[in-house]
Amino acid sequence: MSMTILLIHNEVIMSSIEQLAYYQEKLSYETDLWDLYLALKNGENIIVVDGRSKEAYQHEHIPGAINIPHKEMCFDTK
């Protein structure tokens, strides 16, 4: 998909149609709790990554989830 991007005073401006397409594409890679619930319930091939601390994961987690703490994924996190 090509986008018309205007630069005005170092700001990016897109048409409303391009904005809609941008966010629809972005949301196609993201999910919410309800979508996750339905995917797991329907047996979809999905991997759940729990980014919380190891302690929080050990306390409780979604069955089948794997734990990769955020601090291990992103070295800039303090």
PDB file of N, CA and C in Angstrom:
ATOM      1  N   MET A   1       0.847  -1.169   0.000  1.00  0.00           N
ATOM      2  CA  MET A   1       0.000   0.000   0.000  1.00  0.00           C
ATOM      3  C   MET A   1       0.894   1.234   0.000  1.00  0.00           C
ATOM      4  N   SER A   2       0.604   2.186  -0.847  1.00  0.00           N
ATOM      5  CA  SER A   2       1.377   3.419  -0.853  1.00  0.00           C
ATOM      6  C   SER A   2       0.590   4.493  -0.112  1.00  0.00           C
ATOM      7  N   MET A   3       1.321   5.356   0.559  1.00  0.00           N
ATOM      8  CA  MET A   3       0.683   6.433   1.313  1.00  0.00           C
ATOM      9  C   MET A   3       1.218   7.766   0.833  1.00  0.00           C
ATOM     10  N   THR A   4       0.337   8.733   0.811  1.00  0.00           N
ATOM     11  CA  THR A   4       0.753  10.094   0.531  1.00  0.00           C
ATOM     12  C   THR A   4       1.040  10.746   1.868  1.00  0.00           C
ATOM     13  N   ILE A   5       2.278  11.117   2.078  1.00  0.00           N
ATOM     14  CA  ILE A   5       2.669  11.720   3.346  1.00  0.00           C
ATOM     15  C   ILE A   5       3.171  13.129   3.068  1.00  0.00           C
ATOM     16  N   LEU A   6       2.601  14.078   3.745  1.00  0.00           N
ATOM     17  CA  LEU A   6       3.014  15.469   3.620  1.00  0.00           C
ATOM     18  C   LEU A   6       3.832  15.867   4.837  1.00  0.00           C
ATOM     19  N   LEU A   7       4.917  16.554   4.612  1.00  0.00           N
ATOM     20  CA  LEU A   7       5.710  17.075   5.720  1.00  0.00           C
ATOM     21  C   LEU A   7       5.494  18.577   5.807  1.00  0.00           C
ATOM     22  N   ILE A   8       4.907  19.005   6.905  1.00  0.00           N
ATOM     23  CA  ILE A   8       4.687  20.423   7.144  1.00  0.00           C
ATOM     24  C   ILE A   8       5.290  20.737   8.498  1.00  0.00           C
ATOM     25  N   HIS A   9       6.309  21.563   8.505  1.00  0.00           N
ATOM     26  CA  HIS A   9       7.020  21.900   9.742  1.00  0.00           C
ATOM     27  C   HIS A   9       7.412  20.646  10.507  1.00  0.00           C
ATOM     28  N   ASN A  10       7.981  19.675   9.792  1.00  0.00           N
ATOM     29  CA  ASN A  10       8.451  18.410  10.356  1.00  0.00           C
ATOM     30  C   ASN A  10       7.343  17.553  10.965  1.00  0.00           C
ATOM     31  N   GLU A  11       6.090  17.760  10.570  1.00  0.00           N
ATOM     32  CA  GLU A  11       4.987  16.930  11.034  1.00  0.00           C
ATOM     33  C   GLU A  11       4.476  16.097   9.862  1.00  0.00           C
ATOM     34  N   VAL A  12       4.159  14.848  10.137  1.00  0.00           N
ATOM     35  CA  VAL A  12       3.617  13.961   9.111  1.00  0.00           C
ATOM     36  C   VAL A  12       2.106  14.099   9.108  1.00  0.00           C
ATOM     37  N   ILE A  13       1.542  14.338   7.934  1.00  0.00           N
ATOM     38  CA  ILE A  13       0.100  14.476   7.802  1.00  0.00           C
ATOM     39  C   ILE A  13      -0.379  13.478   6.752  1.00  0.00           C
ATOM     40  N   MET A  14      -1.363  12.650   7.124  1.00  0.00           N
ATOM     41  CA  MET A  14      -1.939  11.669   6.211  1.00  0.00           C
ATOM     42  C   MET A  14      -3.412  11.973   6.029  1.00  0.00           C
ATOM     43  N   SER A  15      -3.954  11.540   4.909  1.00  0.00           N
ATOM     44  CA  SER A  15      -5.391  11.707   4.703  1.00  0.00           C
ATOM     45  C   SER A  15      -6.135  10.794   5.666  1.00  0.00           C
ATOM     46  N   SER A  16      -7.416  11.051   5.867  1.00  0.00           N
ATOM     47  CA  SER A  16      -8.204  10.230   6.793  1.00  0.00           C
ATOM     48  C   SER A  16      -8.293   8.787   6.316  1.00  0.00           C
ATOM     49  N   ILE A  17      -8.344   8.554   5.019  1.00  0.00           N
ATOM     50  CA  ILE A  17      -8.385   7.193   4.484  1.00  0.00           C
ATOM     51  C   ILE A  17      -7.059   6.480   4.777  1.00  0.00           C
ATOM     52  N   GLU A  18      -5.966   7.187   4.615  1.00  0.00           N
ATOM     53  CA  GLU A  18      -4.658   6.601   4.904  1.00  0.00           C
ATOM     54  C   GLU A  18      -4.492   6.339   6.400  1.00  0.00           C
ATOM     55  N   GLN A  19      -5.028   7.226   7.226  1.00  0.00           N
ATOM     56  CA  GLN A  19      -4.974   7.013   8.676  1.00  0.00           C
ATOM     57  C   GLN A  19      -5.759   5.765   9.048  1.00  0.00           C
ATOM     58  N   LEU A  20      -6.938   5.608   8.488  1.00  0.00           N
ATOM     59  CA  LEU A  20      -7.763   4.440   8.756  1.00  0.00           C
ATOM     60  C   LEU A  20      -7.034   3.162   8.332  1.00  0.00           C
ATOM     61  N   ALA A  21      -6.445   3.169   7.157  1.00  0.00           N
ATOM     62  CA  ALA A  21      -5.713   1.998   6.669  1.00  0.00           C
ATOM     63  C   ALA A  21      -4.520   1.698   7.569  1.00  0.00           C
ATOM     64  N   TYR A  22      -3.830   2.736   8.016  1.00  0.00           N
ATOM     65  CA  TYR A  22      -2.669   2.556   8.895  1.00  0.00           C
ATOM     66  C   TYR A  22      -3.069   1.856  10.190  1.00  0.00           C
ATOM     67  N   TYR A  23      -4.137   2.332  10.827  1.00  0.00           N
ATOM     68  CA  TYR A  23      -4.548   1.750  12.106  1.00  0.00           C
ATOM     69  C   TYR A  23      -5.190   0.374  11.929  1.00  0.00           C
ATOM     70  N   GLN A  24      -5.883   0.135  10.830  1.00  0.00           N
ATOM     71  CA  GLN A  24      -6.421  -1.205  10.587  1.00  0.00           C
ATOM     72  C   GLN A  24      -5.290  -2.214  10.435  1.00  0.00           C
ATOM     73  N   GLU A  25      -4.235  -1.822   9.722  1.00  0.00           N
ATOM     74  CA  GLU A  25      -3.080  -2.709   9.564  1.00  0.00           C
ATOM     75  C   GLU A  25      -2.389  -2.931  10.902  1.00  0.00           C
ATOM     76  N   LYS A  26      -2.226  -1.866  11.688  1.00  0.00           N
ATOM     77  CA  LYS A  26      -1.589  -1.982  12.997  1.00  0.00           C
ATOM     78  C   LYS A  26      -2.382  -2.908  13.915  1.00  0.00           C
ATOM     79  N   LEU A  27      -3.698  -2.764  13.931  1.00  0.00           N
ATOM     80  CA  LEU A  27      -4.531  -3.578  14.804  1.00  0.00           C
ATOM     81  C   LEU A  27      -4.604  -5.030  14.359  1.00  0.00           C
ATOM     82  N   SER A  28      -4.290  -5.300  13.102  1.00  0.00           N
ATOM     83  CA  SER A  28      -4.344  -6.688  12.647  1.00  0.00           C
ATOM     84  C   SER A  28      -3.249  -7.527  13.296  1.00  0.00           C
ATOM     85  N   TYR A  29      -2.243  -6.889  13.890  1.00  0.00           N
ATOM     86  CA  TYR A  29      -1.161  -7.601  14.557  1.00  0.00           C
ATOM     87  C   TYR A  29      -1.291  -7.557  16.073  1.00  0.00           C
ATOM     88  N   GLU A  30      -2.315  -6.921  16.571  1.00  0.00           N
ATOM     89  CA  GLU A  30      -2.513  -6.793  18.008  1.00  0.00           C
ATOM     90  C   GLU A  30      -3.822  -7.458  18.396  1.00  0.00           C
ATOM     91  N   THR A  31      -3.942  -7.799  19.657  1.00  0.00           N
ATOM     92  CA  THR A  31      -5.152  -8.448  20.129  1.00  0.00           C
ATOM     93  C   THR A  31      -5.509  -7.922  21.506  1.00  0.00           C
ATOM     94  N   ASP A  32      -6.727  -8.161  21.912  1.00  0.00           N
ATOM     95  CA  ASP A  32      -7.133  -7.802  23.271  1.00  0.00           C
ATOM     96  C   ASP A  32      -7.495  -9.088  24.014  1.00  0.00           C
ATOM     97  N   LEU A  33      -7.894  -8.955  25.255  1.00  0.00           N
ATOM     98  CA  LEU A  33      -8.172 -10.131  26.065  1.00  0.00           C
ATOM     99  C   LEU A  33      -9.300 -10.992  25.502  1.00  0.00           C
ATOM    100  N   TRP A  34     -10.343 -10.368  24.977  1.00  0.00           N
ATOM    101  CA  TRP A  34     -11.451 -11.134  24.439  1.00  0.00           C
ATOM    102  C   TRP A  34     -11.020 -11.935  23.214  1.00  0.00           C
ATOM    103  N   ASP A  35     -10.254 -11.286  22.311  1.00  0.00           N
ATOM    104  CA  ASP A  35      -9.761 -11.995  21.134  1.00  0.00           C
ATOM    105  C   ASP A  35      -8.875 -13.165  21.540  1.00  0.00           C
ATOM    106  N   LEU A  36      -8.042 -12.965  22.555  1.00  0.00           N
ATOM    107  CA  LEU A  36      -7.173 -14.031  23.042  1.00  0.00           C
ATOM    108  C   LEU A  36      -8.014 -15.165  23.627  1.00  0.00           C
ATOM    109  N   TYR A  37      -9.017 -14.825  24.413  1.00  0.00           N
ATOM    110  CA  TYR A  37      -9.909 -15.831  24.996  1.00  0.00           C
ATOM    111  C   TYR A  37     -10.543 -16.689  23.897  1.00  0.00           C
ATOM    112  N   LEU A  38     -11.087 -16.023  22.868  1.00  0.00           N
ATOM    113  CA  LEU A  38     -11.740 -16.754  21.784  1.00  0.00           C
ATOM    114  C   LEU A  38     -10.748 -17.625  21.019  1.00  0.00           C
ATOM    115  N   ALA A  39      -9.563 -17.106  20.765  1.00  0.00           N
ATOM    116  CA  ALA A  39      -8.544 -17.869  20.041  1.00  0.00           C
ATOM    117  C   ALA A  39      -8.163 -19.129  20.808  1.00  0.00           C
ATOM    118  N   LEU A  40      -7.956 -18.991  22.115  1.00  0.00           N
ATOM    119  CA  LEU A  40      -7.600 -20.156  22.928  1.00  0.00           C
ATOM    120  C   LEU A  40      -8.765 -21.144  23.017  1.00  0.00           C
ATOM    121  N   LYS A  41      -9.965 -20.613  23.192  1.00  0.00           N
ATOM    122  CA  LYS A  41     -11.161 -21.453  23.291  1.00  0.00           C
ATOM    123  C   LYS A  41     -11.384 -22.244  22.004  1.00  0.00           C
ATOM    124  N   ASN A  42     -11.091 -21.619  20.863  1.00  0.00           N
ATOM    125  CA  ASN A  42     -11.299 -22.259  19.564  1.00  0.00           C
ATOM    126  C   ASN A  42     -10.110 -23.115  19.123  1.00  0.00           C
ATOM    127  N   GLY A  43      -9.104 -23.228  19.978  1.00  0.00           N
ATOM    128  CA  GLY A  43      -7.966 -24.080  19.676  1.00  0.00           C
ATOM    129  C   GLY A  43      -7.051 -23.549  18.578  1.00  0.00           C
ATOM    130  N   GLU A  44      -7.068 -22.237  18.371  1.00  0.00           N
ATOM    131  CA  GLU A  44      -6.203 -21.661  17.343  1.00  0.00           C
ATOM    132  C   GLU A  44      -4.736 -21.853  17.722  1.00  0.00           C
ATOM    133  N   ASN A  45      -3.896 -21.962  16.724  1.00  0.00           N
ATOM    134  CA  ASN A  45      -2.459 -22.134  16.935  1.00  0.00           C
ATOM    135  C   ASN A  45      -1.865 -20.777  17.309  1.00  0.00           C
ATOM    136  N   ILE A  46      -1.791 -20.513  18.599  1.00  0.00           N
ATOM    137  CA  ILE A  46      -1.344 -19.208  19.085  1.00  0.00           C
ATOM    138  C   ILE A  46      -0.354 -19.414  20.226  1.00  0.00           C
ATOM    139  N   ILE A  47       0.635 -18.574  20.284  1.00  0.00           N
ATOM    140  CA  ILE A  47       1.616 -18.619  21.373  1.00  0.00           C
ATOM    141  C   ILE A  47       1.403 -17.378  22.231  1.00  0.00           C
ATOM    142  N   VAL A  48       1.166 -17.597  23.514  1.00  0.00           N
ATOM    143  CA  VAL A  48       0.967 -16.495  24.447  1.00  0.00           C
ATOM    144  C   VAL A  48       2.291 -16.256  25.170  1.00  0.00           C
ATOM    145  N   VAL A  49       2.803 -15.044  25.065  1.00  0.00           N
ATOM    146  CA  VAL A  49       4.041 -14.662  25.753  1.00  0.00           C
ATOM    147  C   VAL A  49       3.664 -13.757  26.912  1.00  0.00           C
ATOM    148  N   ASP A  50       4.013 -14.179  28.117  1.00  0.00           N
ATOM    149  CA  ASP A  50       3.756 -13.412  29.337  1.00  0.00           C
ATOM    150  C   ASP A  50       5.019 -12.612  29.639  1.00  0.00           C
ATOM    151  N   GLY A  51       4.939 -11.306  29.537  1.00  0.00           N
ATOM    152  CA  GLY A  51       6.100 -10.440  29.710  1.00  0.00           C
ATOM    153  C   GLY A  51       6.309  -9.952  31.133  1.00  0.00           C
ATOM    154  N   ARG A  52       5.561 -10.502  32.074  1.00  0.00           N
ATOM    155  CA  ARG A  52       5.720 -10.083  33.470  1.00  0.00           C
ATOM    156  C   ARG A  52       6.938 -10.752  34.092  1.00  0.00           C
ATOM    157  N   SER A  53       7.221 -10.388  35.323  1.00  0.00           N
ATOM    158  CA  SER A  53       8.357 -10.982  36.041  1.00  0.00           C
ATOM    159  C   SER A  53       8.137 -12.478  36.234  1.00  0.00           C
ATOM    160  N   LYS A  54       9.232 -13.193  36.488  1.00  0.00           N
ATOM    161  CA  LYS A  54       9.141 -14.638  36.726  1.00  0.00           C
ATOM    162  C   LYS A  54       8.275 -14.928  37.945  1.00  0.00           C
ATOM    163  N   GLU A  55       8.364 -14.070  38.958  1.00  0.00           N
ATOM    164  CA  GLU A  55       7.572 -14.267  40.180  1.00  0.00           C
ATOM    165  C   GLU A  55       6.076 -14.129  39.894  1.00  0.00           C
ATOM    166  N   ALA A  56       5.710 -13.112  39.134  1.00  0.00           N
ATOM    167  CA  ALA A  56       4.297 -12.912  38.796  1.00  0.00           C
ATOM    168  C   ALA A  56       3.788 -14.071  37.947  1.00  0.00           C
ATOM    169  N   TYR A  57       4.605 -14.539  37.014  1.00  0.00           N
ATOM    170  CA  TYR A  57       4.235 -15.675  36.166  1.00  0.00           C
ATOM    171  C   TYR A  57       4.031 -16.932  37.003  1.00  0.00           C
ATOM    172  N   GLN A  58       4.943 -17.176  37.955  1.00  0.00           N
ATOM    173  CA  GLN A  58       4.830 -18.361  38.801  1.00  0.00           C
ATOM    174  C   GLN A  58       3.584 -18.311  39.671  1.00  0.00           C
ATOM    175  N   HIS A  59       3.190 -17.107  40.076  1.00  0.00           N
ATOM    176  CA  HIS A  59       1.999 -16.939  40.908  1.00  0.00           C
ATOM    177  C   HIS A  59       0.740 -17.349  40.144  1.00  0.00           C
ATOM    178  N   GLU A  60       0.601 -16.866  38.908  1.00  0.00           N
ATOM    179  CA  GLU A  60      -0.524 -17.231  38.050  1.00  0.00           C
ATOM    180  C   GLU A  60      -0.226 -16.808  36.618  1.00  0.00           C
ATOM    181  N   HIS A  61      -0.744 -17.583  35.688  1.00  0.00           N
ATOM    182  CA  HIS A  61      -0.572 -17.257  34.276  1.00  0.00           C
ATOM    183  C   HIS A  61      -1.590 -18.017  33.434  1.00  0.00           C
ATOM    184  N   ILE A  62      -1.723 -17.624  32.208  1.00  0.00           N
ATOM    185  CA  ILE A  62      -2.614 -18.288  31.264  1.00  0.00           C
ATOM    186  C   ILE A  62      -2.021 -19.664  30.967  1.00  0.00           C
ATOM    187  N   PRO A  63      -2.817 -20.719  31.066  1.00  0.00           N
ATOM    188  CA  PRO A  63      -2.299 -22.059  30.770  1.00  0.00           C
ATOM    189  C   PRO A  63      -1.670 -22.124  29.377  1.00  0.00           C
ATOM    190  N   GLY A  64      -0.458 -22.659  29.322  1.00  0.00           N
ATOM    191  CA  GLY A  64       0.263 -22.787  28.054  1.00  0.00           C
ATOM    192  C   GLY A  64       1.120 -21.591  27.693  1.00  0.00           C
ATOM    193  N   ALA A  65       0.989 -20.495  28.441  1.00  0.00           N
ATOM    194  CA  ALA A  65       1.790 -19.301  28.152  1.00  0.00           C
ATOM    195  C   ALA A  65       3.260 -19.554  28.481  1.00  0.00           C
ATOM    196  N   ILE A  66       4.122 -18.895  27.731  1.00  0.00           N
ATOM    197  CA  ILE A  66       5.546 -18.940  28.057  1.00  0.00           C
ATOM    198  C   ILE A  66       5.933 -17.612  28.678  1.00  0.00           C
ATOM    199  N   ASN A  67       6.927 -17.642  29.524  1.00  0.00           N
ATOM    200  CA  ASN A  67       7.337 -16.430  30.240  1.00  0.00           C
ATOM    201  C   ASN A  67       8.666 -15.925  29.701  1.00  0.00           C
ATOM    202  N   ILE A  68       8.639 -14.715  29.167  1.00  0.00           N
ATOM    203  CA  ILE A  68       9.855 -13.997  28.784  1.00  0.00           C
ATOM    204  C   ILE A  68       9.713 -12.608  29.387  1.00  0.00           C
ATOM    205  N   PRO A  69      10.305 -12.383  30.569  1.00  0.00           N
ATOM    206  CA  PRO A  69      10.149 -11.082  31.222  1.00  0.00           C
ATOM    207  C   PRO A  69      10.589  -9.929  30.310  1.00  0.00           C
ATOM    208  N   HIS A  70       9.846  -8.846  30.388  1.00  0.00           N
ATOM    209  CA  HIS A  70      10.107  -7.672  29.554  1.00  0.00           C
ATOM    210  C   HIS A  70      11.561  -7.225  29.645  1.00  0.00           C
ATOM    211  N   LYS A  71      12.125  -7.304  30.829  1.00  0.00           N
ATOM    212  CA  LYS A  71      13.513  -6.864  31.014  1.00  0.00           C
ATOM    213  C   LYS A  71      14.487  -7.716  30.210  1.00  0.00           C
ATOM    214  N   GLU A  72      14.104  -8.951  29.907  1.00  0.00           N
ATOM    215  CA  GLU A  72      14.959  -9.808  29.085  1.00  0.00           C
ATOM    216  C   GLU A  72      14.743  -9.560  27.589  1.00  0.00           C
ATOM    217  N   MET A  73      13.570  -9.065  27.237  1.00  0.00           N
ATOM    218  CA  MET A  73      13.276  -8.772  25.832  1.00  0.00           C
ATOM    219  C   MET A  73      13.843  -7.425  25.420  1.00  0.00           C
ATOM    220  N   CYS A  74      13.849  -6.481  26.346  1.00  0.00           N
ATOM    221  CA  CYS A  74      14.246  -5.116  26.052  1.00  0.00           C
ATOM    222  C   CYS A  74      15.326  -4.710  27.047  1.00  0.00           C
ATOM    223  N   PHE A  75      16.544  -4.678  26.589  1.00  0.00           N
ATOM    224  CA  PHE A  75      17.675  -4.412  27.482  1.00  0.00           C
ATOM    225  C   PHE A  75      17.712  -2.966  27.977  1.00  0.00           C
ATOM    226  N   ASP A  76      16.918  -2.077  27.359  1.00  0.00           N
ATOM    227  CA  ASP A  76      16.878  -0.683  27.808  1.00  0.00           C
ATOM    228  C   ASP A  76      16.001  -0.505  29.042  1.00  0.00           C
ATOM    229  N   THR A  77      15.199  -1.530  29.391  1.00  0.00           N
ATOM    230  CA  THR A  77      14.317  -1.446  30.554  1.00  0.00           C
ATOM    231  C   THR A  77      15.131  -1.507  31.819  1.00  0.00           C
ATOM    232  N   LYS A  78      14.807  -0.629  32.738  1.00  0.00           N
ATOM    233  CA  LYS A  78      15.536  -0.601  34.002  1.00  0.00           C
ATOM    234  C   LYS A  78      14.708  -1.198  35.099  1.00  0.00           C
TER     235      LYS A  78
END
